[in-house]
C-alpha cells in the first residue's frame, strides 16, 4: 500500500479574496519539487470574482458588492459568509492525475460529502461543478502552473443566496443556485461540514492532513 502524502492545512477563517489569491499565486510560483502540498480553507467577505472566461454581460446588477478579477478558470461567481471555499495547492504529478480527472475527483468528493447529508448530487460534463436536480450547490475553478494547481472549489453551506440573482452564475443565464441548508433534512453545521470535507478529500486523494507549520497570520482577517 502506498504511504499517504502529507497535506498541510491552513484555516484562514474570514479573509479578503484578493489578498489570498495573491498569496496562492506567490506560493505556487515559489514551489519546488520538495514543497509540501497545501489545502487552504476560508470564508470570504461578499465579493464577485471574474474568472478568465468572464464576460461583462454576466454581471446583471452587482449593487455595492466588490468585484475582483481572478486568473482562475471559469466565469463569474459569488463568494460570501456561509460558503466554504477550499483552495487546493497540489502537485498533480504526485497524484498521477491530469487536470480533467482531478476536477472529477473534486466533484466526487463533494458528492460523497453531500450524500452523508441525504442530498443526491451529481456533476455535469458540460459545466464543472456539483448540482442537485439542476441547481448548483458547488463551483470549481482552477489555475494550473507547471502541473501545480491553485484556486479550487466553493460549497454553499448556509448563506445568503440573493447576490447570485444579480449575475449569471458561471456564465449561465437563469441558473438556480442552492445550498446544503435548503437541501438537507439534517442540521447543517458549517464547522462540521468543513472538517468532514477535509477528511473525505484526504481519504480519496491519499493524503494525511496536518496543520501548516508556518502561519500566514497577516492574511487571516485581511
C-alpha atoms as a PDB file:
ATOM      1  CA  UNK A   1       0.000   0.000   0.000  1.00  0.00           C
ATOM      2  CA  UNK A   2       1.279   3.451  -0.907  1.00  0.00           C
ATOM      3  CA  UNK A   3       2.217   5.649   2.052  1.00  0.00           C
ATOM      4  CA  UNK A   4      -0.128   8.664   2.326  1.00  0.00           C
ATOM      5  CA  UNK A   5       1.386  12.006   1.400  1.00  0.00           C
ATOM      6  CA  UNK A   6       1.408  14.897   3.828  1.00  0.00           C
ATOM      7  CA  UNK A   7      -1.002  17.749   3.101  1.00  0.00           C
ATOM      8  CA  UNK A   8      -0.579  20.884   5.175  1.00  0.00           C
ATOM      9  CA  UNK A   9      -3.816  22.517   6.254  1.00  0.00           C
ATOM     10  CA  UNK A  10      -4.439  26.242   6.696  1.00  0.00           C
ATOM     11  CA  UNK A  11      -7.747  27.578   8.024  1.00  0.00           C
ATOM     12  CA  UNK A  12      -7.886  31.334   7.455  1.00  0.00           C
ATOM     13  CA  UNK A  13     -11.325  31.932   8.930  1.00  0.00           C
ATOM     14  CA  UNK A  14     -12.614  35.058   7.157  1.00  0.00           C
ATOM     15  CA  UNK A  15     -10.140  36.547   4.699  1.00  0.00           C
ATOM     16  CA  UNK A  16     -10.105  39.048   1.839  1.00  0.00           C
ATOM     17  CA  UNK A  17     -10.267  37.368  -1.576  1.00  0.00           C
ATOM     18  CA  UNK A  18      -7.644  39.463  -3.357  1.00  0.00           C
ATOM     19  CA  UNK A  19      -5.082  39.051  -0.583  1.00  0.00           C
ATOM     20  CA  UNK A  20      -5.460  35.292  -0.510  1.00  0.00           C
ATOM     21  CA  UNK A  21      -5.424  35.000  -4.303  1.00  0.00           C
ATOM     22  CA  UNK A  22      -2.113  36.863  -4.354  1.00  0.00           C
ATOM     23  CA  UNK A  23      -0.722  34.586  -1.641  1.00  0.00           C
ATOM     24  CA  UNK A  24      -1.756  31.491  -3.629  1.00  0.00           C
ATOM     25  CA  UNK A  25      -0.063  32.777  -6.747  1.00  0.00           C
ATOM     26  CA  UNK A  26       3.142  33.558  -4.855  1.00  0.00           C
ATOM     27  CA  UNK A  27       3.101  30.161  -3.126  1.00  0.00           C
ATOM     28  CA  UNK A  28       2.716  28.357  -6.450  1.00  0.00           C
ATOM     29  CA  UNK A  29       5.401  30.414  -8.198  1.00  0.00           C
ATOM     30  CA  UNK A  30       7.871  29.625  -5.404  1.00  0.00           C
ATOM     31  CA  UNK A  31       7.171  25.880  -5.321  1.00  0.00           C
ATOM     32  CA  UNK A  32       9.946  23.336  -5.747  1.00  0.00           C
ATOM     33  CA  UNK A  33       9.798  19.569  -6.153  1.00  0.00           C
ATOM     34  CA  UNK A  34      10.033  19.309  -2.344  1.00  0.00           C
ATOM     35  CA  UNK A  35       7.234  21.753  -1.498  1.00  0.00           C
ATOM     36  CA  UNK A  36       4.508  20.070   0.544  1.00  0.00           C
ATOM     37  CA  UNK A  37       1.002  20.297  -0.913  1.00  0.00           C
ATOM     38  CA  UNK A  38      -1.408  22.535   0.990  1.00  0.00           C
ATOM     39  CA  UNK A  39      -5.170  22.855   1.464  1.00  0.00           C
ATOM     40  CA  UNK A  40      -6.486  26.313   2.340  1.00  0.00           C
ATOM     41  CA  UNK A  41      -9.919  26.813   3.909  1.00  0.00           C
ATOM     42  CA  UNK A  42     -11.635  30.188   4.039  1.00  0.00           C
ATOM     43  CA  UNK A  43     -14.856  32.193   4.087  1.00  0.00           C
ATOM     44  CA  UNK A  44     -14.680  35.380   2.048  1.00  0.00           C
ATOM     45  CA  UNK A  45     -16.494  38.649   2.744  1.00  0.00           C
ATOM     46  CA  UNK A  46     -19.041  39.352  -0.035  1.00  0.00           C
ATOM     47  CA  UNK A  47     -17.283  39.526  -3.410  1.00  0.00           C
ATOM     48  CA  UNK A  48     -17.910  38.743  -7.063  1.00  0.00           C
ATOM     49  CA  UNK A  49     -14.929  37.161  -8.799  1.00  0.00           C
ATOM     50  CA  UNK A  50     -14.382  37.122 -12.549  1.00  0.00           C
ATOM     51  CA  UNK A  51     -12.517  34.141 -13.986  1.00  0.00           C
ATOM     52  CA  UNK A  52     -10.533  34.221 -17.217  1.00  0.00           C
ATOM     53  CA  UNK A  53     -13.657  33.417 -19.245  1.00  0.00           C
ATOM     54  CA  UNK A  54     -15.884  36.056 -17.631  1.00  0.00           C
ATOM     55  CA  UNK A  55     -17.955  38.404 -19.790  1.00  0.00           C
ATOM     56  CA  UNK A  56     -19.297  41.784 -18.704  1.00  0.00           C
ATOM     57  CA  UNK A  57     -22.864  40.890 -19.694  1.00  0.00           C
ATOM     58  CA  UNK A  58     -22.971  38.231 -16.962  1.00  0.00           C
ATOM     59  CA  UNK A  59     -22.845  40.996 -14.321  1.00  0.00           C
ATOM     60  CA  UNK A  60     -26.501  41.997 -14.243  1.00  0.00           C
ATOM     61  CA  UNK A  61     -26.750  44.323 -11.228  1.00  0.00           C
ATOM     62  CA  UNK A  62     -23.950  43.945  -8.731  1.00  0.00           C
ATOM     63  CA  UNK A  63     -25.153  46.614  -6.257  1.00  0.00           C
ATOM     64  CA  UNK A  64     -22.465  47.514  -3.719  1.00  0.00           C
ATOM     65  CA  UNK A  65     -20.585  44.208  -3.710  1.00  0.00           C
ATOM     66  CA  UNK A  66     -16.897  44.307  -4.636  1.00  0.00           C
ATOM     67  CA  UNK A  67     -15.779  42.882  -7.991  1.00  0.00           C
ATOM     68  CA  UNK A  68     -12.341  41.277  -8.324  1.00  0.00           C
ATOM     69  CA  UNK A  69     -10.642  39.925 -11.450  1.00  0.00           C
ATOM     70  CA  UNK A  70      -9.192  36.439 -10.959  1.00  0.00           C
ATOM     71  CA  UNK A  71      -6.872  34.240 -13.001  1.00  0.00           C
ATOM     72  CA  UNK A  72      -8.818  31.091 -12.143  1.00  0.00           C
ATOM     73  CA  UNK A  73     -10.684  29.159 -14.780  1.00  0.00           C
ATOM     74  CA  UNK A  74     -14.379  29.827 -15.330  1.00  0.00           C
ATOM     75  CA  UNK A  75     -16.550  32.922 -15.398  1.00  0.00           C
ATOM     76  CA  UNK A  76     -18.342  34.956 -12.724  1.00  0.00           C
ATOM     77  CA  UNK A  77     -19.306  33.673  -9.295  1.00  0.00           C
ATOM     78  CA  UNK A  78     -20.082  34.992  -5.816  1.00  0.00           C
ATOM     79  CA  UNK A  79     -18.353  34.297  -2.514  1.00  0.00           C
ATOM     80  CA  UNK A  80     -19.762  35.251   0.868  1.00  0.00           C
ATOM     81  CA  UNK A  81     -20.171  34.220   4.514  1.00  0.00           C
ATOM     82  CA  UNK A  82     -21.669  30.761   4.966  1.00  0.00           C
ATOM     83  CA  UNK A  83     -19.910  29.432   1.878  1.00  0.00           C
ATOM     84  CA  UNK A  84     -16.857  27.216   2.353  1.00  0.00           C
ATOM     85  CA  UNK A  85     -14.067  27.969  -0.107  1.00  0.00           C
ATOM     86  CA  UNK A  86     -11.357  25.329  -0.453  1.00  0.00           C
ATOM     87  CA  UNK A  87      -8.122  26.125  -2.263  1.00  0.00           C
ATOM     88  CA  UNK A  88      -6.123  23.135  -3.498  1.00  0.00           C
ATOM     89  CA  UNK A  89      -2.416  23.862  -3.834  1.00  0.00           C
ATOM     90  CA  UNK A  90      -1.420  20.453  -5.133  1.00  0.00           C
ATOM     91  CA  UNK A  91       1.196  18.965  -7.456  1.00  0.00           C
ATOM     92  CA  UNK A  92      -0.797  16.805  -9.881  1.00  0.00           C
ATOM     93  CA  UNK A  93       2.288  14.723 -10.662  1.00  0.00           C
ATOM     94  CA  UNK A  94       2.173  13.341  -7.128  1.00  0.00           C
ATOM     95  CA  UNK A  95      -1.472  12.399  -7.592  1.00  0.00           C
ATOM     96  CA  UNK A  96      -0.849  10.922 -11.050  1.00  0.00           C
ATOM     97  CA  UNK A  97      -3.855  12.838 -12.349  1.00  0.00           C
ATOM     98  CA  UNK A  98      -4.485  15.096 -15.298  1.00  0.00           C
ATOM     99  CA  UNK A  99      -6.490  18.270 -14.854  1.00  0.00           C
ATOM    100  CA  UNK A 100      -9.819  16.831 -16.033  1.00  0.00           C
ATOM    101  CA  UNK A 101      -9.537  13.756 -13.802  1.00  0.00           C
ATOM    102  CA  UNK A 102      -8.594  15.979 -10.878  1.00  0.00           C
ATOM    103  CA  UNK A 103     -11.702  18.121 -11.419  1.00  0.00           C
ATOM    104  CA  UNK A 104     -13.835  14.968 -11.484  1.00  0.00           C
ATOM    105  CA  UNK A 105     -12.155  13.764  -8.273  1.00  0.00           C
ATOM    106  CA  UNK A 106     -13.020  17.051  -6.530  1.00  0.00           C
ATOM    107  CA  UNK A 107     -16.617  16.794  -7.719  1.00  0.00           C
ATOM    108  CA  UNK A 108     -16.852  13.242  -6.386  1.00  0.00           C
ATOM    109  CA  UNK A 109     -15.501  14.352  -3.008  1.00  0.00           C
ATOM    110  CA  UNK A 110     -18.290  16.924  -2.737  1.00  0.00           C
ATOM    111  CA  UNK A 111     -20.890  14.424  -3.946  1.00  0.00           C
ATOM    112  CA  UNK A 112     -19.756  11.932  -1.302  1.00  0.00           C
ATOM    113  CA  UNK A 113     -19.980  14.595   1.403  1.00  0.00           C
ATOM    114  CA  UNK A 114     -23.460  15.669   0.306  1.00  0.00           C
ATOM    115  CA  UNK A 115     -24.689  12.075   0.304  1.00  0.00           C
ATOM    116  CA  UNK A 116     -23.937  11.928   4.032  1.00  0.00           C
ATOM    117  CA  UNK A 117     -26.457  14.758   4.403  1.00  0.00           C
ATOM    118  CA  UNK A 118     -29.058  12.896   2.306  1.00  0.00           C
ATOM    119  CA  UNK A 119     -28.504  15.183  -0.675  1.00  0.00           C
ATOM    120  CA  UNK A 120     -28.360  13.451  -4.050  1.00  0.00           C
ATOM    121  CA  UNK A 121     -25.957  15.425  -6.224  1.00  0.00           C
ATOM    122  CA  UNK A 122     -24.103  14.930  -9.480  1.00  0.00           C
ATOM    123  CA  UNK A 123     -21.515  16.504 -11.749  1.00  0.00           C
ATOM    124  CA  UNK A 124     -22.035  17.649 -15.317  1.00  0.00           C
ATOM    125  CA  UNK A 125     -19.619  17.031 -18.156  1.00  0.00           C
ATOM    126  CA  UNK A 126     -20.539  20.297 -19.893  1.00  0.00           C
ATOM    127  CA  UNK A 127     -20.406  22.528 -16.801  1.00  0.00           C
ATOM    128  CA  UNK A 128     -17.925  21.803 -13.977  1.00  0.00           C
ATOM    129  CA  UNK A 129     -19.443  21.883 -10.516  1.00  0.00           C
ATOM    130  CA  UNK A 130     -21.939  19.895  -8.473  1.00  0.00           C
ATOM    131  CA  UNK A 131     -25.697  20.060  -8.957  1.00  0.00           C
ATOM    132  CA  UNK A 132     -28.856  18.973  -7.137  1.00  0.00           C
ATOM    133  CA  UNK A 133     -31.643  18.447  -9.680  1.00  0.00           C
ATOM    134  CA  UNK A 134     -30.017  21.094 -11.871  1.00  0.00           C
ATOM    135  CA  UNK A 135     -29.473  23.578  -9.031  1.00  0.00           C
ATOM    136  CA  UNK A 136     -25.823  24.431  -8.466  1.00  0.00           C
ATOM    137  CA  UNK A 137     -24.550  23.785  -4.962  1.00  0.00           C
ATOM    138  CA  UNK A 138     -20.775  23.834  -5.550  1.00  0.00           C
ATOM    139  CA  UNK A 139     -18.473  25.539  -8.054  1.00  0.00           C
ATOM    140  CA  UNK A 140     -14.980  24.690  -9.263  1.00  0.00           C
ATOM    141  CA  UNK A 141     -12.356  26.897 -10.866  1.00  0.00           C
ATOM    142  CA  UNK A 142      -8.668  26.052 -11.078  1.00  0.00           C
ATOM    143  CA  UNK A 143      -5.435  27.509 -12.331  1.00  0.00           C
ATOM    144  CA  UNK A 144      -2.590  25.144 -13.218  1.00  0.00           C
ATOM    145  CA  UNK A 145       1.055  26.187 -13.470  1.00  0.00           C
ATOM    146  CA  UNK A 146       3.747  23.597 -14.188  1.00  0.00           C
ATOM    147  CA  UNK A 147       1.330  20.809 -13.126  1.00  0.00           C
ATOM    148  CA  UNK A 148       0.616  22.574  -9.819  1.00  0.00           C
ATOM    149  CA  UNK A 149      -2.927  23.676  -9.027  1.00  0.00           C
ATOM    150  CA  UNK A 150      -4.280  26.638  -7.142  1.00  0.00           C
ATOM    151  CA  UNK A 151      -7.713  28.196  -6.633  1.00  0.00           C
ATOM    152  CA  UNK A 152     -10.239  25.382  -6.101  1.00  0.00           C
ATOM    153  CA  UNK A 153     -13.868  24.927  -5.092  1.00  0.00           C
ATOM    154  CA  UNK A 154     -16.670  26.616  -3.205  1.00  0.00           C
ATOM    155  CA  UNK A 155     -19.512  24.820  -1.417  1.00  0.00           C
ATOM    156  CA  UNK A 156     -22.686  26.661  -0.434  1.00  0.00           C
ATOM    157  CA  UNK A 157     -23.483  25.573   3.127  1.00  0.00           C
ATOM    158  CA  UNK A 158     -25.761  28.128   4.822  1.00  0.00           C
ATOM    159  CA  UNK A 159     -25.534  31.565   3.242  1.00  0.00           C
ATOM    160  CA  UNK A 160     -27.470  34.450   1.742  1.00  0.00           C
ATOM    161  CA  UNK A 161     -28.040  33.371  -1.873  1.00  0.00           C
ATOM    162  CA  UNK A 162     -29.566  36.674  -3.017  1.00  0.00           C
ATOM    163  CA  UNK A 163     -26.319  38.042  -4.536  1.00  0.00           C
ATOM    164  CA  UNK A 164     -26.402  35.207  -7.090  1.00  0.00           C
ATOM    165  CA  UNK A 165     -29.562  36.792  -8.534  1.00  0.00           C
ATOM    166  CA  UNK A 166     -27.551  39.740  -9.830  1.00  0.00           C
ATOM    167  CA  UNK A 167     -25.204  37.677 -12.014  1.00  0.00           C
ATOM    168  CA  UNK A 168     -25.390  34.808 -14.463  1.00  0.00           C
ATOM    169  CA  UNK A 169     -23.657  32.286 -12.193  1.00  0.00           C
ATOM    170  CA  UNK A 170     -20.702  30.716 -14.004  1.00  0.00           C
ATOM    171  CA  UNK A 171     -21.961  32.350 -17.189  1.00  0.00           C
ATOM    172  CA  UNK A 172     -25.294  30.508 -17.335  1.00  0.00           C
ATOM    173  CA  UNK A 173     -28.379  32.771 -17.530  1.00  0.00           C
ATOM    174  CA  UNK A 174     -31.153  31.577 -15.243  1.00  0.00           C
ATOM    175  CA  UNK A 175     -29.009  29.051 -13.380  1.00  0.00           C
ATOM    176  CA  UNK A 176     -30.553  28.385  -9.965  1.00  0.00           C
ATOM    177  CA  UNK A 177     -28.158  28.210  -7.024  1.00  0.00           C
ATOM    178  CA  UNK A 178     -28.867  26.241  -3.855  1.00  0.00           C
ATOM    179  CA  UNK A 179     -27.162  25.305  -0.589  1.00  0.00           C
ATOM    180  CA  UNK A 180     -26.906  22.451   1.877  1.00  0.00           C
ATOM    181  CA  UNK A 181     -29.201  24.090   4.446  1.00  0.00           C
ATOM    182  CA  UNK A 182     -32.000  24.192   1.859  1.00  0.00           C
ATOM    183  CA  UNK A 183     -31.494  20.666   0.531  1.00  0.00           C
ATOM    184  CA  UNK A 184     -30.714  18.514   3.564  1.00  0.00           C
ATOM    185  CA  UNK A 185     -33.237  17.256   6.134  1.00  0.00           C
ATOM    186  CA  UNK A 186     -30.386  17.214   8.650  1.00  0.00           C
ATOM    187  CA  UNK A 187     -28.953  20.013  10.758  1.00  0.00           C
ATOM    188  CA  UNK A 188     -26.110  21.573   8.769  1.00  0.00           C
ATOM    189  CA  UNK A 189     -23.236  22.975  10.839  1.00  0.00           C
ATOM    190  CA  UNK A 190     -20.530  24.886   8.979  1.00  0.00           C
ATOM    191  CA  UNK A 191     -17.652  23.662  11.138  1.00  0.00           C
ATOM    192  CA  UNK A 192     -18.733  20.030  10.971  1.00  0.00           C
ATOM    193  CA  UNK A 193     -19.105  20.178   7.182  1.00  0.00           C
ATOM    194  CA  UNK A 194     -15.668  21.776   6.849  1.00  0.00           C
ATOM    195  CA  UNK A 195     -13.997  19.109   8.953  1.00  0.00           C
ATOM    196  CA  UNK A 196     -15.737  16.284   7.104  1.00  0.00           C
ATOM    197  CA  UNK A 197     -14.797  17.669   3.697  1.00  0.00           C
ATOM    198  CA  UNK A 198     -11.134  17.717   4.715  1.00  0.00           C
ATOM    199  CA  UNK A 199     -11.406  14.116   5.912  1.00  0.00           C
ATOM    200  CA  UNK A 200     -13.026  12.882   2.700  1.00  0.00           C
ATOM    201  CA  UNK A 201     -10.598  14.776   0.492  1.00  0.00           C
ATOM    202  CA  UNK A 202      -7.623  13.337   2.361  1.00  0.00           C
ATOM    203  CA  UNK A 203      -9.037   9.810   2.144  1.00  0.00           C
ATOM    204  CA  UNK A 204      -9.922   9.973  -1.533  1.00  0.00           C
ATOM    205  CA  UNK A 205      -6.683  11.584  -2.707  1.00  0.00           C
ATOM    206  CA  UNK A 206      -4.334   9.683  -0.395  1.00  0.00           C
ATOM    207  CA  UNK A 207      -3.234  12.468   1.940  1.00  0.00           C
ATOM    208  CA  UNK A 208      -2.606  12.762   5.652  1.00  0.00           C
ATOM    209  CA  UNK A 209      -3.634  16.239   6.802  1.00  0.00           C
ATOM    210  CA  UNK A 210      -1.545  18.165   9.316  1.00  0.00           C
ATOM    211  CA  UNK A 211      -1.620  21.819  10.420  1.00  0.00           C
ATOM    212  CA  UNK A 212       0.712  24.079   8.464  1.00  0.00           C
ATOM    213  CA  UNK A 213       3.861  24.841  10.412  1.00  0.00           C
ATOM    214  CA  UNK A 214       4.371  28.380   9.080  1.00  0.00           C
ATOM    215  CA  UNK A 215       1.354  30.653   9.506  1.00  0.00           C
ATOM    216  CA  UNK A 216       0.327  33.447   7.155  1.00  0.00           C
ATOM    217  CA  UNK A 217      -1.190  35.324  10.081  1.00  0.00           C
ATOM    218  CA  UNK A 218      -1.389  38.717   8.393  1.00  0.00           C
ATOM    219  CA  UNK A 219      -3.970  37.356   5.943  1.00  0.00           C
ATOM    220  CA  UNK A 220      -6.393  35.935   8.459  1.00  0.00           C
ATOM    221  CA  UNK A 221      -8.656  38.958   8.772  1.00  0.00           C
ATOM    222  CA  UNK A 222      -7.444  40.833   5.695  1.00  0.00           C
END
